[in-house]
PDB file of all heavy atoms in Angstrom:
ATOM      1  N   VAL A   1     194.527  67.044 -19.461  1.00  0.00           N
ATOM      2  CA  VAL A   1     194.772  68.137 -18.517  1.00  0.00           C
ATOM      3  C   VAL A   1     194.499  67.686 -17.095  1.00  0.00           C
ATOM      4  O   VAL A   1     193.861  66.656 -16.848  1.00  0.00           O
ATOM      5  CB  VAL A   1     193.891  69.366 -18.844  1.00  0.00           C
ATOM      6  CG1 VAL A   1     194.185  69.887 -20.234  1.00  0.00           C
ATOM      7  CG2 VAL A   1     192.411  69.020 -18.710  1.00  0.00           C
ATOM      8  N   ASP A   2     194.989  68.500 -16.140  1.00  0.00           N
ATOM      9  CA  ASP A   2     194.722  68.230 -14.728  1.00  0.00           C
ATOM     10  C   ASP A   2     193.263  68.504 -14.395  1.00  0.00           C
ATOM     11  O   ASP A   2     192.612  69.336 -15.014  1.00  0.00           O
ATOM     12  CB  ASP A   2     195.577  69.144 -13.851  1.00  0.00           C
ATOM     13  CG  ASP A   2     196.957  68.568 -13.621  1.00  0.00           C
ATOM     14  OD1 ASP A   2     197.197  67.438 -14.062  1.00  0.00           O
ATOM     15  OD2 ASP A   2     197.786  69.261 -13.024  1.00  0.00           O
ATOM     16  N   TRP A   3     192.772  67.803 -13.379  1.00  0.00           N
ATOM     17  CA  TRP A   3     191.459  68.103 -12.826  1.00  0.00           C
ATOM     18  C   TRP A   3     191.626  68.177 -11.316  1.00  0.00           C
ATOM     19  O   TRP A   3     191.914  67.194 -10.663  1.00  0.00           O
ATOM     20  CB  TRP A   3     190.452  67.022 -13.200  1.00  0.00           C
ATOM     21  CG  TRP A   3     189.082  67.303 -12.661  1.00  0.00           C
ATOM     22  CD1 TRP A   3     188.564  66.852 -11.474  1.00  0.00           C
ATOM     23  CD2 TRP A   3     188.084  68.124 -13.240  1.00  0.00           C
ATOM     24  NE1 TRP A   3     187.304  67.335 -11.299  1.00  0.00           N
ATOM     25  CE2 TRP A   3     186.968  68.118 -12.356  1.00  0.00           C
ATOM     26  CE3 TRP A   3     187.998  68.864 -14.410  1.00  0.00           C
ATOM     27  CZ2 TRP A   3     185.811  68.825 -12.633  1.00  0.00           C
ATOM     28  CZ3 TRP A   3     186.842  69.563 -14.671  1.00  0.00           C
ATOM     29  CH2 TRP A   3     185.766  69.542 -13.793  1.00  0.00           C
ATOM     30  N   ASN A   4     191.475  69.364 -10.761  1.00  0.00           N
ATOM     31  CA  ASN A   4     191.664  69.566  -9.323  1.00  0.00           C
ATOM     32  C   ASN A   4     193.006  69.034  -8.841  1.00  0.00           C
ATOM     33  O   ASN A   4     193.126  68.440  -7.768  1.00  0.00           O
ATOM     34  CB  ASN A   4     190.531  68.896  -8.529  1.00  0.00           C
ATOM     35  CG  ASN A   4     189.195  69.558  -8.781  1.00  0.00           C
ATOM     36  OD1 ASN A   4     189.139  70.736  -9.111  1.00  0.00           O
ATOM     37  ND2 ASN A   4     188.110  68.802  -8.626  1.00  0.00           N
ATOM     38  N   GLY A   5     194.034  69.251  -9.682  1.00  0.00           N
ATOM     39  CA  GLY A   5     195.373  68.868  -9.280  1.00  0.00           C
ATOM     40  C   GLY A   5     195.686  67.396  -9.398  1.00  0.00           C
ATOM     41  O   GLY A   5     196.765  66.950  -9.007  1.00  0.00           O
ATOM     42  N   VAL A   6     194.767  66.608  -9.927  1.00  0.00           N
ATOM     43  CA  VAL A   6     194.996  65.173 -10.075  1.00  0.00           C
ATOM     44  C   VAL A   6     195.472  64.883 -11.493  1.00  0.00           C
ATOM     45  O   VAL A   6     194.923  65.393 -12.458  1.00  0.00           O
ATOM     46  CB  VAL A   6     193.704  64.381  -9.793  1.00  0.00           C
ATOM     47  CG1 VAL A   6     193.933  62.887  -9.980  1.00  0.00           C
ATOM     48  CG2 VAL A   6     193.233  64.668  -8.381  1.00  0.00           C
ATOM     49  N   SER A   7     196.503  64.064 -11.626  1.00  0.00           N
ATOM     50  CA  SER A   7     197.015  63.738 -12.944  1.00  0.00           C
ATOM     51  C   SER A   7     195.939  63.065 -13.788  1.00  0.00           C
ATOM     52  O   SER A   7     195.273  62.148 -13.325  1.00  0.00           O
ATOM     53  CB  SER A   7     198.213  62.809 -12.822  1.00  0.00           C
ATOM     54  OG  SER A   7     198.575  62.319 -14.098  1.00  0.00           O
ATOM     55  N   THR A   8     195.784  63.532 -15.016  1.00  0.00           N
ATOM     56  CA  THR A   8     194.782  62.938 -15.888  1.00  0.00           C
ATOM     57  C   THR A   8     195.391  62.173 -17.037  1.00  0.00           C
ATOM     58  O   THR A   8     194.695  61.795 -17.956  1.00  0.00           O
ATOM     59  CB  THR A   8     193.850  64.025 -16.463  1.00  0.00           C
ATOM     60  OG1 THR A   8     194.649  64.932 -17.217  1.00  0.00           O
ATOM     61  CG2 THR A   8     193.137  64.752 -15.363  1.00  0.00           C
ATOM     62  N   LEU A   9     196.717  61.989 -17.008  1.00  0.00           N
ATOM     63  CA  LEU A   9     197.277  61.112 -18.020  1.00  0.00           C
ATOM     64  C   LEU A   9     196.620  59.761 -17.860  1.00  0.00           C
ATOM     65  O   LEU A   9     196.545  59.214 -16.764  1.00  0.00           O
ATOM     66  CB  LEU A   9     198.795  60.976 -17.852  1.00  0.00           C
ATOM     67  CG  LEU A   9     199.503  60.238 -18.991  1.00  0.00           C
ATOM     68  CD1 LEU A   9     199.405  61.037 -20.280  1.00  0.00           C
ATOM     69  CD2 LEU A   9     200.944  59.958 -18.644  1.00  0.00           C
ATOM     70  N   PRO A  10     196.068  59.196 -18.943  1.00  0.00           N
ATOM     71  CA  PRO A  10     195.258  57.984 -18.787  1.00  0.00           C
ATOM     72  C   PRO A  10     196.037  56.831 -18.183  1.00  0.00           C
ATOM     73  O   PRO A  10     197.212  56.634 -18.461  1.00  0.00           O
ATOM     74  CB  PRO A  10     194.821  57.670 -20.226  1.00  0.00           C
ATOM     75  CG  PRO A  10     195.824  58.359 -21.081  1.00  0.00           C
ATOM     76  CD  PRO A  10     196.200  59.602 -20.352  1.00  0.00           C
ATOM     77  N   LYS A  11     195.359  56.111 -17.346  1.00  0.00           N
ATOM     78  CA  LYS A  11     195.940  54.895 -16.794  1.00  0.00           C
ATOM     79  C   LYS A  11     195.780  53.785 -17.824  1.00  0.00           C
ATOM     80  O   LYS A  11     194.673  53.429 -18.194  1.00  0.00           O
ATOM     81  CB  LYS A  11     195.222  54.523 -15.494  1.00  0.00           C
ATOM     82  CG  LYS A  11     195.312  55.590 -14.415  1.00  0.00           C
ATOM     83  CD  LYS A  11     194.472  55.195 -13.215  1.00  0.00           C
ATOM     84  CE  LYS A  11     194.499  56.283 -12.159  1.00  0.00           C
ATOM     85  NZ  LYS A  11     193.640  55.938 -11.002  1.00  0.00           N
ATOM     86  N   MET A  12     196.882  53.270 -18.286  1.00  0.00           N
ATOM     87  CA  MET A  12     196.836  52.234 -19.307  1.00  0.00           C
ATOM     88  C   MET A  12     196.967  50.870 -18.636  1.00  0.00           C
ATOM     89  O   MET A  12     197.938  50.604 -17.932  1.00  0.00           O
ATOM     90  CB  MET A  12     197.979  52.415 -20.316  1.00  0.00           C
ATOM     91  CG  MET A  12     198.040  53.793 -20.940  1.00  0.00           C
ATOM     92  SD  MET A  12     196.590  54.126 -21.944  1.00  0.00           S
ATOM     93  CE  MET A  12     197.035  55.724 -22.617  1.00  0.00           C
ATOM     94  N   LEU A  13     195.998  50.018 -18.842  1.00  0.00           N
ATOM     95  CA  LEU A  13     196.007  48.701 -18.226  1.00  0.00           C
ATOM     96  C   LEU A  13     196.072  47.629 -19.310  1.00  0.00           C
ATOM     97  O   LEU A  13     195.182  47.520 -20.145  1.00  0.00           O
ATOM     98  CB  LEU A  13     194.745  48.501 -17.381  1.00  0.00           C
ATOM     99  CG  LEU A  13     194.473  49.561 -16.314  1.00  0.00           C
ATOM    100  CD1 LEU A  13     193.155  49.262 -15.616  1.00  0.00           C
ATOM    101  CD2 LEU A  13     195.612  49.634 -15.323  1.00  0.00           C
ATOM    102  N   ASN A  14     197.147  46.838 -19.288  1.00  0.00           N
ATOM    103  CA  ASN A  14     197.293  45.692 -20.194  1.00  0.00           C
ATOM    104  C   ASN A  14     197.305  46.098 -21.665  1.00  0.00           C
ATOM    105  O   ASN A  14     196.749  45.397 -22.513  1.00  0.00           O
ATOM    106  CB  ASN A  14     196.157  44.682 -19.951  1.00  0.00           C
ATOM    107  CG  ASN A  14     196.118  44.203 -18.522  1.00  0.00           C
ATOM    108  OD1 ASN A  14     197.156  43.945 -17.921  1.00  0.00           O
ATOM    109  ND2 ASN A  14     194.923  44.094 -17.967  1.00  0.00           N
ATOM    110  N   TRP A  15     197.933  47.218 -21.973  1.00  0.00           N
ATOM    111  CA  TRP A  15     197.960  47.673 -23.361  1.00  0.00           C
ATOM    112  C   TRP A  15     199.285  47.319 -24.018  1.00  0.00           C
ATOM    113  O   TRP A  15     200.342  47.444 -23.419  1.00  0.00           O
ATOM    114  CB  TRP A  15     197.770  49.188 -23.419  1.00  0.00           C
ATOM    115  CG  TRP A  15     196.367  49.589 -23.154  1.00  0.00           C
ATOM    116  CD1 TRP A  15     195.476  49.015 -22.302  1.00  0.00           C
ATOM    117  CD2 TRP A  15     195.679  50.668 -23.763  1.00  0.00           C
ATOM    118  NE1 TRP A  15     194.276  49.660 -22.334  1.00  0.00           N
ATOM    119  CE2 TRP A  15     194.370  50.684 -23.216  1.00  0.00           C
ATOM    120  CE3 TRP A  15     196.026  51.623 -24.705  1.00  0.00           C
ATOM    121  CZ2 TRP A  15     193.433  51.618 -23.589  1.00  0.00           C
ATOM    122  CZ3 TRP A  15     195.082  52.557 -25.065  1.00  0.00           C
ATOM    123  CH2 TRP A  15     193.799  52.550 -24.517  1.00  0.00           C
ATOM    124  N   THR A  16     199.223  46.901 -25.289  1.00  0.00           N
ATOM    125  CA  THR A  16     200.431  46.661 -26.055  1.00  0.00           C
ATOM    126  C   THR A  16     201.114  47.985 -26.385  1.00  0.00           C
ATOM    127  O   THR A  16     202.327  48.136 -26.243  1.00  0.00           O
ATOM    128  CB  THR A  16     200.096  45.908 -27.358  1.00  0.00           C
ATOM    129  OG1 THR A  16     199.426  44.700 -27.021  1.00  0.00           O
ATOM    130  CG2 THR A  16     201.358  45.601 -28.137  1.00  0.00           C
ATOM    131  N   ASN A  17     200.348  48.960 -26.857  1.00  0.00           N
ATOM    132  CA  ASN A  17     200.859  50.302 -27.137  1.00  0.00           C
ATOM    133  C   ASN A  17     200.001  51.307 -26.385  1.00  0.00           C
ATOM    134  O   ASN A  17     198.849  51.044 -26.060  1.00  0.00           O
ATOM    135  CB  ASN A  17     200.799  50.612 -28.636  1.00  0.00           C
ATOM    136  CG  ASN A  17     201.640  49.651 -29.451  1.00  0.00           C
ATOM    137  OD1 ASN A  17     202.799  49.427 -29.154  1.00  0.00           O
ATOM    138  ND2 ASN A  17     201.032  49.069 -30.472  1.00  0.00           N
ATOM    139  N   SER A  18     200.555  52.486 -26.143  1.00  0.00           N
ATOM    140  CA  SER A  18     199.800  53.514 -25.452  1.00  0.00           C
ATOM    141  C   SER A  18     199.140  54.469 -26.425  1.00  0.00           C
ATOM    142  O   SER A  18     197.929  54.630 -26.432  1.00  0.00           O
ATOM    143  CB  SER A  18     200.710  54.283 -24.493  1.00  0.00           C
ATOM    144  OG  SER A  18     201.222  53.423 -23.504  1.00  0.00           O
ATOM    145  N   PHE A  19     199.941  55.144 -27.266  1.00  0.00           N
ATOM    146  CA  PHE A  19     199.430  56.125 -28.220  1.00  0.00           C
ATOM    147  C   PHE A  19     199.947  55.806 -29.613  1.00  0.00           C
ATOM    148  O   PHE A  19     201.109  55.441 -29.786  1.00  0.00           O
ATOM    149  CB  PHE A  19     199.860  57.537 -27.832  1.00  0.00           C
ATOM    150  CG  PHE A  19     199.364  57.982 -26.494  1.00  0.00           C
ATOM    151  CD1 PHE A  19     200.139  57.824 -25.355  1.00  0.00           C
ATOM    152  CD2 PHE A  19     198.112  58.558 -26.360  1.00  0.00           C
ATOM    153  CE1 PHE A  19     199.682  58.234 -24.119  1.00  0.00           C
ATOM    154  CE2 PHE A  19     197.641  58.970 -25.136  1.00  0.00           C
ATOM    155  CZ  PHE A  19     198.431  58.808 -24.001  1.00  0.00           C
ATOM    156  N   ASP A  20     199.096  55.974 -30.598  1.00  0.00           N
ATOM    157  CA  ASP A  20     199.462  55.704 -31.986  1.00  0.00           C
ATOM    158  C   ASP A  20     198.906  56.845 -32.833  1.00  0.00           C
ATOM    159  O   ASP A  20     197.696  57.109 -32.790  1.00  0.00           O
ATOM    160  CB  ASP A  20     198.866  54.355 -32.420  1.00  0.00           C
ATOM    161  CG  ASP A  20     199.363  53.935 -33.788  1.00  0.00           C
ATOM    162  OD1 ASP A  20     200.243  54.615 -34.346  1.00  0.00           O
ATOM    163  OD2 ASP A  20     198.859  52.915 -34.301  1.00  0.00           O
ATOM    164  N   CYS A  21     199.771  57.534 -33.579  1.00  0.00           N
ATOM    165  CA  CYS A  21     199.351  58.702 -34.345  1.00  0.00           C
ATOM    166  C   CYS A  21     199.815  58.580 -35.792  1.00  0.00           C
ATOM    167  O   CYS A  21     200.787  57.884 -36.104  1.00  0.00           O
ATOM    168  CB  CYS A  21     199.941  59.991 -33.753  1.00  0.00           C
ATOM    169  SG  CYS A  21     199.632  60.238 -32.002  1.00  0.00           S
ATOM    170  N   TRP A  22     199.128  59.308 -36.678  1.00  0.00           N
ATOM    171  CA  TRP A  22     199.546  59.396 -38.078  1.00  0.00           C
ATOM    172  C   TRP A  22     199.035  60.701 -38.681  1.00  0.00           C
ATOM    173  O   TRP A  22     198.081  61.301 -38.197  1.00  0.00           O
ATOM    174  CB  TRP A  22     199.047  58.189 -38.885  1.00  0.00           C
ATOM    175  CG  TRP A  22     197.563  57.999 -38.912  1.00  0.00           C
ATOM    176  CD1 TRP A  22     196.679  58.491 -39.812  1.00  0.00           C
ATOM    177  CD2 TRP A  22     196.782  57.259 -37.965  1.00  0.00           C
ATOM    178  NE1 TRP A  22     195.392  58.113 -39.513  1.00  0.00           N
ATOM    179  CE2 TRP A  22     195.419  57.343 -38.377  1.00  0.00           C
ATOM    180  CE3 TRP A  22     197.088  56.531 -36.812  1.00  0.00           C
ATOM    181  CZ2 TRP A  22     194.393  56.744 -37.687  1.00  0.00           C
ATOM    182  CZ3 TRP A  22     196.051  55.936 -36.129  1.00  0.00           C
ATOM    183  CH2 TRP A  22     194.727  56.033 -36.566  1.00  0.00           C
ATOM    184  N   ASN A  23     199.717  61.118 -39.744  1.00  0.00           N
ATOM    185  CA  ASN A  23     199.341  62.327 -40.494  1.00  0.00           C
ATOM    186  C   ASN A  23     199.112  63.531 -39.583  1.00  0.00           C
ATOM    187  O   ASN A  23     198.112  64.235 -39.673  1.00  0.00           O
ATOM    188  CB  ASN A  23     198.078  62.082 -41.333  1.00  0.00           C
ATOM    189  CG  ASN A  23     198.316  61.117 -42.472  1.00  0.00           C
ATOM    190  OD1 ASN A  23     199.456  60.859 -42.846  1.00  0.00           O
ATOM    191  ND2 ASN A  23     197.247  60.567 -43.021  1.00  0.00           N
ATOM    192  N   GLY A  24     200.084  63.774 -38.699  1.00  0.00           N
ATOM    193  CA  GLY A  24     200.027  64.967 -37.868  1.00  0.00           C
ATOM    194  C   GLY A  24     199.191  64.848 -36.618  1.00  0.00           C
ATOM    195  O   GLY A  24     198.897  65.869 -35.980  1.00  0.00           O
ATOM    196  N   GLY A  25     198.791  63.649 -36.255  1.00  0.00           N
ATOM    197  CA  GLY A  25     198.046  63.481 -35.006  1.00  0.00           C
ATOM    198  C   GLY A  25     198.854  63.994 -33.826  1.00  0.00           C
ATOM    199  O   GLY A  25     200.058  63.749 -33.729  1.00  0.00           O
ATOM    200  N   ARG A  26     198.203  64.708 -32.917  1.00  0.00           N
ATOM    201  CA  ARG A  26     198.904  65.434 -31.862  1.00  0.00           C
ATOM    202  C   ARG A  26     198.416  64.991 -30.482  1.00  0.00           C
ATOM    203  O   ARG A  26     197.217  64.828 -30.251  1.00  0.00           O
ATOM    204  CB  ARG A  26     198.647  66.938 -32.034  1.00  0.00           C
ATOM    205  CG  ARG A  26     199.279  67.846 -31.003  1.00  0.00           C
ATOM    206  CD  ARG A  26     198.824  69.283 -31.241  1.00  0.00           C
ATOM    207  NE  ARG A  26     199.352  70.189 -30.240  1.00  0.00           N
ATOM    208  CZ  ARG A  26     200.425  70.950 -30.416  1.00  0.00           C
ATOM    209  NH1 ARG A  26     201.074  70.925 -31.572  1.00  0.00           N
ATOM    210  NH2 ARG A  26     200.844  71.766 -29.460  1.00  0.00           N
ATOM    211  N   ILE A  27     199.373  64.798 -29.572  1.00  0.00           N
ATOM    212  CA  ILE A  27     199.078  64.473 -28.188  1.00  0.00           C
ATOM    213  C   ILE A  27     199.640  65.579 -27.312  1.00  0.00           C
ATOM    214  O   ILE A  27     200.853  65.835 -27.306  1.00  0.00           O
ATOM    215  CB  ILE A  27     199.699  63.119 -27.774  1.00  0.00           C
ATOM    216  CG1 ILE A  27     199.233  61.986 -28.695  1.00  0.00           C
ATOM    217  CG2 ILE A  27     199.384  62.826 -26.321  1.00  0.00           C
ATOM    218  CD1 ILE A  27     197.782  61.646 -28.578  1.00  0.00           C
ATOM    219  N   ASP A  28     198.788  66.271 -26.558  1.00  0.00           N
ATOM    220  CA  ASP A  28     199.211  67.292 -25.603  1.00  0.00           C
ATOM    221  C   ASP A  28     198.935  66.776 -24.200  1.00  0.00           C
ATOM    222  O   ASP A  28     197.798  66.370 -23.898  1.00  0.00           O
ATOM    223  CB  ASP A  28     198.440  68.596 -25.796  1.00  0.00           C
ATOM    224  CG  ASP A  28     198.755  69.275 -27.126  1.00  0.00           C
ATOM    225  OD1 ASP A  28     199.762  68.898 -27.742  1.00  0.00           O
ATOM    226  OD2 ASP A  28     197.982  70.150 -27.528  1.00  0.00           O
ATOM    227  N   ILE A  29     199.950  66.797 -23.353  1.00  0.00           N
ATOM    228  CA  ILE A  29     199.778  66.356 -21.976  1.00  0.00           C
ATOM    229  C   ILE A  29     200.172  67.504 -21.059  1.00  0.00           C
ATOM    230  O   ILE A  29     201.314  67.943 -21.051  1.00  0.00           O
ATOM    231  CB  ILE A  29     200.606  65.097 -21.676  1.00  0.00           C
ATOM    232  CG1 ILE A  29     200.121  63.937 -22.549  1.00  0.00           C
ATOM    233  CG2 ILE A  29     200.499  64.742 -20.202  1.00  0.00           C
ATOM    234  CD1 ILE A  29     200.897  62.668 -22.376  1.00  0.00           C
TER     235      ILE A  29
END
């Protein structure tokens, strides 16, 4: 979620993958 209007989507540095889910894992942005 936002914090004081600042984007809180994580900054990914040097990652092969960003998000990995299974069995109904949920990502809300």
